[in-house]
């Protein structure tokens, strides 16, 4: 996932609850879908951040190097400014970018 092109709001927004149950017919099912997607996004963000920060790891503990590494600070600031995973998941859900299915409907 390319986090540079995410179109989610950077802060929380009051939403009409009817927007969520229109798609699924059940508000609790919609919240479950959004929460699972938010967990996936959070895991992707965490893995990507750790991959980028692993480049800056040093085996020697030199305090001067730790405080003067501007590239590492810029990477960290970028991820801090990104919208939270829940906001990304809500945006994707409302824009119909999340595929979901109800397995209990398939068994019947």
PDB file of N, CA and C in Angstrom:
ATOM      1  N   UNK A   1       0.852  -1.180   0.000  1.00  0.00           N
ATOM      2  CA  UNK A   1       0.000   0.000   0.000  1.00  0.00           C
ATOM      3  C   UNK A   1       0.893   1.237   0.000  1.00  0.00           C
ATOM      4  N   UNK A   2       0.554   2.171  -0.842  1.00  0.00           N
ATOM      5  CA  UNK A   2       1.322   3.403  -0.931  1.00  0.00           C
ATOM      6  C   UNK A   2       0.662   4.444  -0.020  1.00  0.00           C
ATOM      7  N   UNK A   3       1.313   4.731   1.086  1.00  0.00           N
ATOM      8  CA  UNK A   3       0.730   5.639   2.065  1.00  0.00           C
ATOM      9  C   UNK A   3       0.834   7.101   1.655  1.00  0.00           C
ATOM     10  N   UNK A   4       1.608   7.399   0.617  1.00  0.00           N
ATOM     11  CA  UNK A   4       1.709   8.776   0.142  1.00  0.00           C
ATOM     12  C   UNK A   4       0.446   9.229  -0.583  1.00  0.00           C
ATOM     13  N   UNK A   5      -0.301   8.264  -1.120  1.00  0.00           N
ATOM     14  CA  UNK A   5      -1.486   8.601  -1.903  1.00  0.00           C
ATOM     15  C   UNK A   5      -2.796   8.360  -1.155  1.00  0.00           C
ATOM     16  N   UNK A   6      -2.732   8.153   0.133  1.00  0.00           N
ATOM     17  CA  UNK A   6      -3.942   7.899   0.928  1.00  0.00           C
ATOM     18  C   UNK A   6      -4.774   9.170   0.999  1.00  0.00           C
ATOM     19  N   UNK A   7      -6.077   9.027   0.749  1.00  0.00           N
ATOM     20  CA  UNK A   7      -6.977  10.182   0.716  1.00  0.00           C
ATOM     21  C   UNK A   7      -7.828  10.305   1.981  1.00  0.00           C
ATOM     22  N   UNK A   8      -7.396   9.729   3.068  1.00  0.00           N
ATOM     23  CA  UNK A   8      -8.160   9.804   4.317  1.00  0.00           C
ATOM     24  C   UNK A   8      -7.879  11.123   5.025  1.00  0.00           C
ATOM     25  N   UNK A   9      -8.825  11.540   5.867  1.00  0.00           N
ATOM     26  CA  UNK A   9      -8.663  12.765   6.640  1.00  0.00           C
ATOM     27  C   UNK A   9      -7.570  12.545   7.701  1.00  0.00           C
ATOM     28  N   UNK A  10      -6.775  13.559   7.976  1.00  0.00           N
ATOM     29  CA  UNK A  10      -5.708  13.397   8.964  1.00  0.00           C
ATOM     30  C   UNK A  10      -6.213  13.409  10.415  1.00  0.00           C
ATOM     31  N   UNK A  11      -7.437  13.867  10.633  1.00  0.00           N
ATOM     32  CA  UNK A  11      -7.992  13.866  11.986  1.00  0.00           C
ATOM     33  C   UNK A  11      -9.419  13.339  11.942  1.00  0.00           C
ATOM     34  N   UNK A  12      -9.984  13.118  13.106  1.00  0.00           N
ATOM     35  CA  UNK A  12     -11.314  12.529  13.174  1.00  0.00           C
ATOM     36  C   UNK A  12     -12.380  13.478  12.644  1.00  0.00           C
ATOM     37  N   UNK A  13     -13.423  12.885  12.087  1.00  0.00           N
ATOM     38  CA  UNK A  13     -14.523  13.632  11.494  1.00  0.00           C
ATOM     39  C   UNK A  13     -15.815  13.008  12.008  1.00  0.00           C
ATOM     40  N   UNK A  14     -16.791  13.833  12.339  1.00  0.00           N
ATOM     41  CA  UNK A  14     -18.093  13.321  12.737  1.00  0.00           C
ATOM     42  C   UNK A  14     -18.796  12.770  11.508  1.00  0.00           C
ATOM     43  N   UNK A  15     -19.304  11.555  11.622  1.00  0.00           N
ATOM     44  CA  UNK A  15     -19.938  10.904  10.481  1.00  0.00           C
ATOM     45  C   UNK A  15     -21.360  10.483  10.824  1.00  0.00           C
ATOM     46  N   UNK A  16     -22.173  10.386   9.800  1.00  0.00           N
ATOM     47  CA  UNK A  16     -23.532   9.902   9.955  1.00  0.00           C
ATOM     48  C   UNK A  16     -23.487   8.381  10.028  1.00  0.00           C
ATOM     49  N   UNK A  17     -24.028   7.813  11.066  1.00  0.00           N
ATOM     50  CA  UNK A  17     -23.957   6.371  11.281  1.00  0.00           C
ATOM     51  C   UNK A  17     -24.703   5.597  10.202  1.00  0.00           C
ATOM     52  N   UNK A  18     -25.648   6.222   9.546  1.00  0.00           N
ATOM     53  CA  UNK A  18     -26.422   5.554   8.496  1.00  0.00           C
ATOM     54  C   UNK A  18     -25.572   5.241   7.265  1.00  0.00           C
ATOM     55  N   UNK A  19     -24.438   5.946   7.110  1.00  0.00           N
ATOM     56  CA  UNK A  19     -23.553   5.663   5.985  1.00  0.00           C
ATOM     57  C   UNK A  19     -22.957   4.263   6.103  1.00  0.00           C
ATOM     58  N   UNK A  20     -22.756   3.810   7.325  1.00  0.00           N
ATOM     59  CA  UNK A  20     -22.099   2.532   7.540  1.00  0.00           C
ATOM     60  C   UNK A  20     -23.047   1.357   7.352  1.00  0.00           C
ATOM     61  N   UNK A  21     -24.276   1.473   7.843  1.00  0.00           N
ATOM     62  CA  UNK A  21     -25.170   0.323   7.731  1.00  0.00           C
ATOM     63  C   UNK A  21     -25.885   0.254   6.381  1.00  0.00           C
ATOM     64  N   UNK A  22     -25.715   1.243   5.521  1.00  0.00           N
ATOM     65  CA  UNK A  22     -26.278   1.170   4.171  1.00  0.00           C
ATOM     66  C   UNK A  22     -25.635   0.040   3.378  1.00  0.00           C
ATOM     67  N   UNK A  23     -24.349  -0.131   3.535  1.00  0.00           N
ATOM     68  CA  UNK A  23     -23.606  -1.098   2.736  1.00  0.00           C
ATOM     69  C   UNK A  23     -23.787  -2.531   3.211  1.00  0.00           C
ATOM     70  N   UNK A  24     -23.913  -2.726   4.512  1.00  0.00           N
ATOM     71  CA  UNK A  24     -23.995  -4.081   5.056  1.00  0.00           C
ATOM     72  C   UNK A  24     -25.367  -4.424   5.616  1.00  0.00           C
ATOM     73  N   UNK A  25     -26.144  -3.423   5.965  1.00  0.00           N
ATOM     74  CA  UNK A  25     -27.429  -3.669   6.591  1.00  0.00           C
ATOM     75  C   UNK A  25     -27.334  -3.833   8.096  1.00  0.00           C
ATOM     76  N   UNK A  26     -26.131  -3.793   8.631  1.00  0.00           N
ATOM     77  CA  UNK A  26     -25.922  -3.996  10.052  1.00  0.00           C
ATOM     78  C   UNK A  26     -24.716  -3.155  10.488  1.00  0.00           C
ATOM     79  N   UNK A  27     -24.937  -2.274  11.434  1.00  0.00           N
ATOM     80  CA  UNK A  27     -23.856  -1.379  11.876  1.00  0.00           C
ATOM     81  C   UNK A  27     -22.701  -2.158  12.518  1.00  0.00           C
ATOM     82  N   UNK A  28     -23.025  -3.224  13.232  1.00  0.00           N
ATOM     83  CA  UNK A  28     -21.991  -4.009  13.903  1.00  0.00           C
ATOM     84  C   UNK A  28     -21.117  -4.756  12.904  1.00  0.00           C
ATOM     85  N   UNK A  29     -21.730  -5.222  11.835  1.00  0.00           N
ATOM     86  CA  UNK A  29     -20.959  -5.881  10.786  1.00  0.00           C
ATOM     87  C   UNK A  29     -20.027  -4.875  10.104  1.00  0.00           C
ATOM     88  N   UNK A  30     -20.509  -3.670   9.876  1.00  0.00           N
ATOM     89  CA  UNK A  30     -19.684  -2.628   9.260  1.00  0.00           C
ATOM     90  C   UNK A  30     -18.505  -2.267  10.153  1.00  0.00           C
ATOM     91  N   UNK A  31     -18.750  -2.157  11.450  1.00  0.00           N
ATOM     92  CA  UNK A  31     -17.666  -1.828  12.389  1.00  0.00           C
ATOM     93  C   UNK A  31     -16.636  -2.951  12.431  1.00  0.00           C
ATOM     94  N   UNK A  32     -17.095  -4.197  12.355  1.00  0.00           N
ATOM     95  CA  UNK A  32     -16.172  -5.334  12.344  1.00  0.00           C
ATOM     96  C   UNK A  32     -15.302  -5.316  11.092  1.00  0.00           C
ATOM     97  N   UNK A  33     -15.902  -5.030   9.960  1.00  0.00           N
ATOM     98  CA  UNK A  33     -15.152  -4.958   8.700  1.00  0.00           C
ATOM     99  C   UNK A  33     -14.107  -3.856   8.773  1.00  0.00           C
ATOM    100  N   UNK A  34     -14.508  -2.702   9.269  1.00  0.00           N
ATOM    101  CA  UNK A  34     -13.586  -1.567   9.374  1.00  0.00           C
ATOM    102  C   UNK A  34     -12.463  -1.867  10.348  1.00  0.00           C
ATOM    103  N   UNK A  35     -12.771  -2.499  11.466  1.00  0.00           N
ATOM    104  CA  UNK A  35     -11.734  -2.781  12.464  1.00  0.00           C
ATOM    105  C   UNK A  35     -10.728  -3.801  11.946  1.00  0.00           C
ATOM    106  N   UNK A  36     -11.197  -4.788  11.211  1.00  0.00           N
ATOM    107  CA  UNK A  36     -10.266  -5.774  10.651  1.00  0.00           C
ATOM    108  C   UNK A  36      -9.362  -5.136   9.603  1.00  0.00           C
ATOM    109  N   UNK A  37      -9.927  -4.263   8.792  1.00  0.00           N
ATOM    110  CA  UNK A  37      -9.110  -3.572   7.795  1.00  0.00           C
ATOM    111  C   UNK A  37      -8.115  -2.627   8.467  1.00  0.00           C
ATOM    112  N   UNK A  38      -8.537  -1.968   9.540  1.00  0.00           N
ATOM    113  CA  UNK A  38      -7.635  -1.076  10.271  1.00  0.00           C
ATOM    114  C   UNK A  38      -6.458  -1.858  10.846  1.00  0.00           C
ATOM    115  N   UNK A  39      -6.699  -3.062  11.331  1.00  0.00           N
ATOM    116  CA  UNK A  39      -5.616  -3.906  11.839  1.00  0.00           C
ATOM    117  C   UNK A  39      -4.644  -4.271  10.728  1.00  0.00           C
ATOM    118  N   UNK A  40      -5.169  -4.572   9.536  1.00  0.00           N
ATOM    119  CA  UNK A  40      -4.305  -4.884   8.397  1.00  0.00           C
ATOM    120  C   UNK A  40      -3.447  -3.682   8.006  1.00  0.00           C
ATOM    121  N   UNK A  41      -4.066  -2.505   7.955  1.00  0.00           N
ATOM    122  CA  UNK A  41      -3.338  -1.284   7.585  1.00  0.00           C
ATOM    123  C   UNK A  41      -2.263  -0.979   8.628  1.00  0.00           C
ATOM    124  N   UNK A  42      -2.601  -1.123   9.902  1.00  0.00           N
ATOM    125  CA  UNK A  42      -1.632  -0.850  10.967  1.00  0.00           C
ATOM    126  C   UNK A  42      -0.440  -1.791  10.867  1.00  0.00           C
ATOM    127  N   UNK A  43      -0.694  -3.047  10.568  1.00  0.00           N
ATOM    128  CA  UNK A  43       0.392  -4.009  10.428  1.00  0.00           C
ATOM    129  C   UNK A  43       1.274  -3.667   9.236  1.00  0.00           C
ATOM    130  N   UNK A  44       0.655  -3.270   8.117  1.00  0.00           N
ATOM    131  CA  UNK A  44       1.433  -2.871   6.936  1.00  0.00           C
ATOM    132  C   UNK A  44       2.297  -1.647   7.231  1.00  0.00           C
ATOM    133  N   UNK A  45       1.712  -0.677   7.917  1.00  0.00           N
ATOM    134  CA  UNK A  45       2.462   0.539   8.247  1.00  0.00           C
ATOM    135  C   UNK A  45       3.637   0.203   9.159  1.00  0.00           C
ATOM    136  N   UNK A  46       3.398  -0.633  10.137  1.00  0.00           N
ATOM    137  CA  UNK A  46       4.444  -1.000  11.094  1.00  0.00           C
ATOM    138  C   UNK A  46       5.582  -1.742  10.394  1.00  0.00           C
ATOM    139  N   UNK A  47       5.239  -2.700   9.532  1.00  0.00           N
ATOM    140  CA  UNK A  47       6.273  -3.450   8.822  1.00  0.00           C
ATOM    141  C   UNK A  47       7.087  -2.549   7.907  1.00  0.00           C
ATOM    142  N   UNK A  48       6.399  -1.654   7.187  1.00  0.00           N
ATOM    143  CA  UNK A  48       7.096  -0.753   6.276  1.00  0.00           C
ATOM    144  C   UNK A  48       8.019   0.202   7.035  1.00  0.00           C
ATOM    145  N   UNK A  49       7.548   0.713   8.164  1.00  0.00           N
ATOM    146  CA  UNK A  49       8.377   1.610   8.964  1.00  0.00           C
ATOM    147  C   UNK A  49       9.605   0.884   9.497  1.00  0.00           C
ATOM    148  N   UNK A  50       9.430  -0.332   9.989  1.00  0.00           N
ATOM    149  CA  UNK A  50      10.571  -1.090  10.505  1.00  0.00           C
ATOM    150  C   UNK A  50      11.581  -1.416   9.416  1.00  0.00           C
ATOM    151  N   UNK A  51      11.090  -1.697   8.202  1.00  0.00           N
ATOM    152  CA  UNK A  51      12.011  -1.947   7.090  1.00  0.00           C
ATOM    153  C   UNK A  51      12.854  -0.715   6.791  1.00  0.00           C
ATOM    154  N   UNK A  52      12.216   0.442   6.788  1.00  0.00           N
ATOM    155  CA  UNK A  52      12.960   1.674   6.489  1.00  0.00           C
ATOM    156  C   UNK A  52      13.917   2.046   7.616  1.00  0.00           C
ATOM    157  N   UNK A  53      13.514   1.809   8.846  1.00  0.00           N
ATOM    158  CA  UNK A  53      14.382   2.159   9.968  1.00  0.00           C
ATOM    159  C   UNK A  53      15.513   1.158  10.160  1.00  0.00           C
ATOM    160  N   UNK A  54      15.356  -0.058   9.641  1.00  0.00           N
ATOM    161  CA  UNK A  54      16.441  -1.042   9.732  1.00  0.00           C
ATOM    162  C   UNK A  54      17.672  -0.587   8.955  1.00  0.00           C
ATOM    163  N   UNK A  55      17.470   0.239   7.932  1.00  0.00           N
ATOM    164  CA  UNK A  55      18.604   0.764   7.174  1.00  0.00           C
ATOM    165  C   UNK A  55      19.497   1.654   8.029  1.00  0.00           C
ATOM    166  N   UNK A  56      18.928   2.234   9.067  1.00  0.00           N
ATOM    167  CA  UNK A  56      19.673   3.176   9.899  1.00  0.00           C
ATOM    168  C   UNK A  56      20.292   2.518  11.131  1.00  0.00           C
ATOM    169  N   UNK A  57      20.057   1.240  11.321  1.00  0.00           N
ATOM    170  CA  UNK A  57      20.595   0.555  12.499  1.00  0.00           C
ATOM    171  C   UNK A  57      22.112   0.539  12.446  1.00  0.00           C
ATOM    172  N   UNK A  58      22.679   0.789  13.582  1.00  0.00           N
ATOM    173  CA  UNK A  58      24.128   0.690  13.689  1.00  0.00           C
ATOM    174  C   UNK A  58      24.448  -0.257  14.836  1.00  0.00           C
ATOM    175  N   UNK A  59      25.545  -0.941  14.694  1.00  0.00           N
ATOM    176  CA  UNK A  59      25.923  -1.910  15.714  1.00  0.00           C
ATOM    177  C   UNK A  59      26.697  -1.268  16.858  1.00  0.00           C
ATOM    178  N   UNK A  60      27.143  -0.067  16.638  1.00  0.00           N
ATOM    179  CA  UNK A  60      27.845   0.646  17.714  1.00  0.00           C
ATOM    180  C   UNK A  60      26.899   1.698  18.299  1.00  0.00           C
ATOM    181  N   UNK A  61      26.932   1.839  19.566  1.00  0.00           N
ATOM    182  CA  UNK A  61      26.062   2.803  20.238  1.00  0.00           C
ATOM    183  C   UNK A  61      26.798   4.120  20.426  1.00  0.00           C
ATOM    184  N   UNK A  62      26.717   4.958  19.436  1.00  0.00           N
ATOM    185  CA  UNK A  62      27.344   6.260  19.485  1.00  0.00           C
ATOM    186  C   UNK A  62      26.224   7.301  19.554  1.00  0.00           C
ATOM    187  N   UNK A  63      26.152   8.043  20.633  1.00  0.00           N
ATOM    188  CA  UNK A  63      25.072   9.002  20.827  1.00  0.00           C
ATOM    189  C   UNK A  63      25.070  10.108  19.783  1.00  0.00           C
ATOM    190  N   UNK A  64      26.216  10.489  19.294  1.00  0.00           N
ATOM    191  CA  UNK A  64      26.276  11.537  18.288  1.00  0.00           C
ATOM    192  C   UNK A  64      25.584  11.096  17.000  1.00  0.00           C
ATOM    193  N   UNK A  65      25.763   9.845  16.618  1.00  0.00           N
ATOM    194  CA  UNK A  65      25.135   9.342  15.409  1.00  0.00           C
ATOM    195  C   UNK A  65      23.623   9.247  15.576  1.00  0.00           C
ATOM    196  N   UNK A  66      23.169   8.894  16.736  1.00  0.00           N
ATOM    197  CA  UNK A  66      21.741   8.723  16.981  1.00  0.00           C
ATOM    198  C   UNK A  66      21.009  10.049  16.867  1.00  0.00           C
ATOM    199  N   UNK A  67      21.548  11.090  17.440  1.00  0.00           N
ATOM    200  CA  UNK A  67      20.861  12.373  17.447  1.00  0.00           C
ATOM    201  C   UNK A  67      21.029  13.155  16.149  1.00  0.00           C
ATOM    202  N   UNK A  68      22.008  12.838  15.341  1.00  0.00           N
ATOM    203  CA  UNK A  68      22.273  13.615  14.141  1.00  0.00           C
ATOM    204  C   UNK A  68      21.760  12.965  12.861  1.00  0.00           C
ATOM    205  N   UNK A  69      21.055  11.872  12.956  1.00  0.00           N
ATOM    206  CA  UNK A  69      20.590  11.192  11.763  1.00  0.00           C
ATOM    207  C   UNK A  69      19.290  11.825  11.272  1.00  0.00           C
ATOM    208  N   UNK A  70      19.416  12.794  10.385  1.00  0.00           N
ATOM    209  CA  UNK A  70      18.272  13.556   9.876  1.00  0.00           C
ATOM    210  C   UNK A  70      17.346  12.707   9.010  1.00  0.00           C
ATOM    211  N   UNK A  71      17.906  11.787   8.246  1.00  0.00           N
ATOM    212  CA  UNK A  71      17.081  10.950   7.381  1.00  0.00           C
ATOM    213  C   UNK A  71      16.119  10.098   8.200  1.00  0.00           C
ATOM    214  N   UNK A  72      16.619   9.564   9.291  1.00  0.00           N
ATOM    215  CA  UNK A  72      15.774   8.748  10.165  1.00  0.00           C
ATOM    216  C   UNK A  72      14.669   9.607  10.783  1.00  0.00           C
ATOM    217  N   UNK A  73      14.992  10.811  11.144  1.00  0.00           N
ATOM    218  CA  UNK A  73      13.995  11.722  11.719  1.00  0.00           C
ATOM    219  C   UNK A  73      12.925  12.053  10.679  1.00  0.00           C
ATOM    220  N   UNK A  74      13.310  12.278   9.437  1.00  0.00           N
ATOM    221  CA  UNK A  74      12.348  12.582   8.375  1.00  0.00           C
ATOM    222  C   UNK A  74      11.414  11.406   8.113  1.00  0.00           C
ATOM    223  N   UNK A  75      11.946  10.200   8.119  1.00  0.00           N
ATOM    224  CA  UNK A  75      11.109   9.014   7.921  1.00  0.00           C
ATOM    225  C   UNK A  75      10.098   8.893   9.058  1.00  0.00           C
ATOM    226  N   UNK A  76      10.555   9.095  10.269  1.00  0.00           N
ATOM    227  CA  UNK A  76       9.671   9.006  11.432  1.00  0.00           C
ATOM    228  C   UNK A  76       8.590  10.083  11.389  1.00  0.00           C
ATOM    229  N   UNK A  77       8.954  11.286  11.005  1.00  0.00           N
ATOM    230  CA  UNK A  77       7.969  12.375  10.913  1.00  0.00           C
ATOM    231  C   UNK A  77       6.917  12.087   9.853  1.00  0.00           C
ATOM    232  N   UNK A  78       7.338  11.504   8.740  1.00  0.00           N
ATOM    233  CA  UNK A  78       6.393  11.161   7.681  1.00  0.00           C
ATOM    234  C   UNK A  78       5.323  10.206   8.199  1.00  0.00           C
ATOM    235  N   UNK A  79       5.748   9.170   8.922  1.00  0.00           N
ATOM    236  CA  UNK A  79       4.788   8.191   9.433  1.00  0.00           C
ATOM    237  C   UNK A  79       3.939   8.760  10.564  1.00  0.00           C
ATOM    238  N   UNK A  80       4.450   9.709  11.301  1.00  0.00           N
ATOM    239  CA  UNK A  80       3.656  10.342  12.353  1.00  0.00           C
ATOM    240  C   UNK A  80       2.548  11.217  11.761  1.00  0.00           C
ATOM    241  N   UNK A  81       2.800  11.806  10.597  1.00  0.00           N
ATOM    242  CA  UNK A  81       1.822  12.700   9.976  1.00  0.00           C
ATOM    243  C   UNK A  81       0.732  11.952   9.207  1.00  0.00           C
ATOM    244  N   UNK A  82       0.927  10.679   8.944  1.00  0.00           N
ATOM    245  CA  UNK A  82      -0.073   9.904   8.215  1.00  0.00           C
ATOM    246  C   UNK A  82      -1.358   9.777   9.023  1.00  0.00           C
ATOM    247  N   UNK A  83      -2.492   9.632   8.334  1.00  0.00           N
ATOM    248  CA  UNK A  83      -3.745   9.376   9.058  1.00  0.00           C
ATOM    249  C   UNK A  83      -3.661   8.054   9.807  1.00  0.00           C
ATOM    250  N   UNK A  84      -4.395   7.951  10.880  1.00  0.00           N
ATOM    251  CA  UNK A  84      -4.413   6.728  11.667  1.00  0.00           C
ATOM    252  C   UNK A  84      -5.034   5.594  10.847  1.00  0.00           C
ATOM    253  N   UNK A  85      -4.665   4.353  11.135  1.00  0.00           N
ATOM    254  CA  UNK A  85      -5.210   3.220  10.376  1.00  0.00           C
ATOM    255  C   UNK A  85      -6.737   3.143  10.399  1.00  0.00           C
ATOM    256  N   UNK A  86      -7.354   3.521  11.492  1.00  0.00           N
ATOM    257  CA  UNK A  86      -8.821   3.482  11.538  1.00  0.00           C
ATOM    258  C   UNK A  86      -9.423   4.493  10.568  1.00  0.00           C
ATOM    259  N   UNK A  87      -8.813   5.657  10.437  1.00  0.00           N
ATOM    260  CA  UNK A  87      -9.317   6.658   9.500  1.00  0.00           C
ATOM    261  C   UNK A  87      -9.140   6.210   8.055  1.00  0.00           C
ATOM    262  N   UNK A  88      -8.045   5.532   7.785  1.00  0.00           N
ATOM    263  CA  UNK A  88      -7.819   4.994   6.445  1.00  0.00           C
ATOM    264  C   UNK A  88      -8.858   3.916   6.140  1.00  0.00           C
ATOM    265  N   UNK A  89      -9.116   3.043   7.111  1.00  0.00           N
ATOM    266  CA  UNK A  89     -10.079   1.962   6.920  1.00  0.00           C
ATOM    267  C   UNK A  89     -11.498   2.502   6.712  1.00  0.00           C
ATOM    268  N   UNK A  90     -11.880   3.513   7.470  1.00  0.00           N
ATOM    269  CA  UNK A  90     -13.207   4.110   7.295  1.00  0.00           C
ATOM    270  C   UNK A  90     -13.329   4.728   5.915  1.00  0.00           C
ATOM    271  N   UNK A  91     -12.305   5.428   5.490  1.00  0.00           N
ATOM    272  CA  UNK A  91     -12.318   6.047   4.170  1.00  0.00           C
ATOM    273  C   UNK A  91     -12.433   4.995   3.071  1.00  0.00           C
ATOM    274  N   UNK A  92     -11.678   3.911   3.187  1.00  0.00           N
ATOM    275  CA  UNK A  92     -11.750   2.839   2.206  1.00  0.00           C
ATOM    276  C   UNK A  92     -13.131   2.182   2.204  1.00  0.00           C
ATOM    277  N   UNK A  93     -13.714   1.993   3.375  1.00  0.00           N
ATOM    278  CA  UNK A  93     -15.029   1.370   3.470  1.00  0.00           C
ATOM    279  C   UNK A  93     -16.093   2.233   2.805  1.00  0.00           C
ATOM    280  N   UNK A  94     -16.065   3.516   3.074  1.00  0.00           N
ATOM    281  CA  UNK A  94     -17.067   4.410   2.504  1.00  0.00           C
ATOM    282  C   UNK A  94     -16.881   4.609   0.997  1.00  0.00           C
ATOM    283  N   UNK A  95     -15.657   4.435   0.507  1.00  0.00           N
ATOM    284  CA  UNK A  95     -15.379   4.564  -0.927  1.00  0.00           C
ATOM    285  C   UNK A  95     -15.488   3.227  -1.657  1.00  0.00           C
ATOM    286  N   UNK A  96     -15.975   2.195  -0.981  1.00  0.00           N
ATOM    287  CA  UNK A  96     -16.139   0.846  -1.553  1.00  0.00           C
ATOM    288  C   UNK A  96     -14.829   0.267  -2.070  1.00  0.00           C
ATOM    289  N   UNK A  97     -13.756   0.467  -1.337  1.00  0.00           N
ATOM    290  CA  UNK A  97     -12.460  -0.081  -1.723  1.00  0.00           C
ATOM    291  C   UNK A  97     -12.105  -1.338  -0.933  1.00  0.00           C
ATOM    292  N   UNK A  98     -12.999  -1.776  -0.054  1.00  0.00           N
ATOM    293  CA  UNK A  98     -12.760  -2.964   0.751  1.00  0.00           C
ATOM    294  C   UNK A  98     -13.669  -4.082   0.250  1.00  0.00           C
ATOM    295  N   UNK A  99     -13.067  -5.221  -0.035  1.00  0.00           N
ATOM    296  CA  UNK A  99     -13.850  -6.395  -0.402  1.00  0.00           C
ATOM    297  C   UNK A  99     -14.163  -7.163   0.875  1.00  0.00           C
ATOM    298  N   UNK A 100     -15.408  -7.504   1.065  1.00  0.00           N
ATOM    299  CA  UNK A 100     -15.803  -8.301   2.227  1.00  0.00           C
ATOM    300  C   UNK A 100     -16.945  -9.212   1.841  1.00  0.00           C
ATOM    301  N   UNK A 101     -17.096 -10.278   2.608  1.00  0.00           N
ATOM    302  CA  UNK A 101     -18.204 -11.208   2.381  1.00  0.00           C
ATOM    303  C   UNK A 101     -18.612 -11.796   3.710  1.00  0.00           C
ATOM    304  N   UNK A 102     -19.844 -12.184   3.796  1.00  0.00           N
ATOM    305  CA  UNK A 102     -20.384 -12.761   5.022  1.00  0.00           C
ATOM    306  C   UNK A 102     -20.455 -14.266   4.820  1.00  0.00           C
ATOM    307  N   UNK A 103     -19.634 -15.009   5.539  1.00  0.00           N
ATOM    308  CA  UNK A 103     -19.581 -16.456   5.360  1.00  0.00           C
ATOM    309  C   UNK A 103     -20.821 -17.154   5.911  1.00  0.00           C
ATOM    310  N   UNK A 104     -21.521 -16.541   6.847  1.00  0.00           N
ATOM    311  CA  UNK A 104     -22.729 -17.176   7.378  1.00  0.00           C
ATOM    312  C   UNK A 104     -23.833 -17.197   6.332  1.00  0.00           C
ATOM    313  N   UNK A 105     -23.839 -16.253   5.391  1.00  0.00           N
ATOM    314  CA  UNK A 105     -24.823 -16.240   4.309  1.00  0.00           C
ATOM    315  C   UNK A 105     -24.540 -17.361   3.309  1.00  0.00           C
ATOM    316  N   UNK A 106     -23.269 -17.726   3.141  1.00  0.00           N
ATOM    317  CA  UNK A 106     -22.894 -18.748   2.181  1.00  0.00           C
ATOM    318  C   UNK A 106     -23.291 -20.151   2.648  1.00  0.00           C
ATOM    319  N   UNK A 107     -23.315 -20.382   3.968  1.00  0.00           N
ATOM    320  CA  UNK A 107     -23.642 -21.696   4.511  1.00  0.00           C
ATOM    321  C   UNK A 107     -25.137 -21.988   4.401  1.00  0.00           C
ATOM    322  N   UNK A 108     -25.966 -20.979   4.406  1.00  0.00           N
ATOM    323  CA  UNK A 108     -27.413 -21.179   4.382  1.00  0.00           C
ATOM    324  C   UNK A 108     -27.934 -21.551   3.020  1.00  0.00           C
TER     325      UNK A 108
END
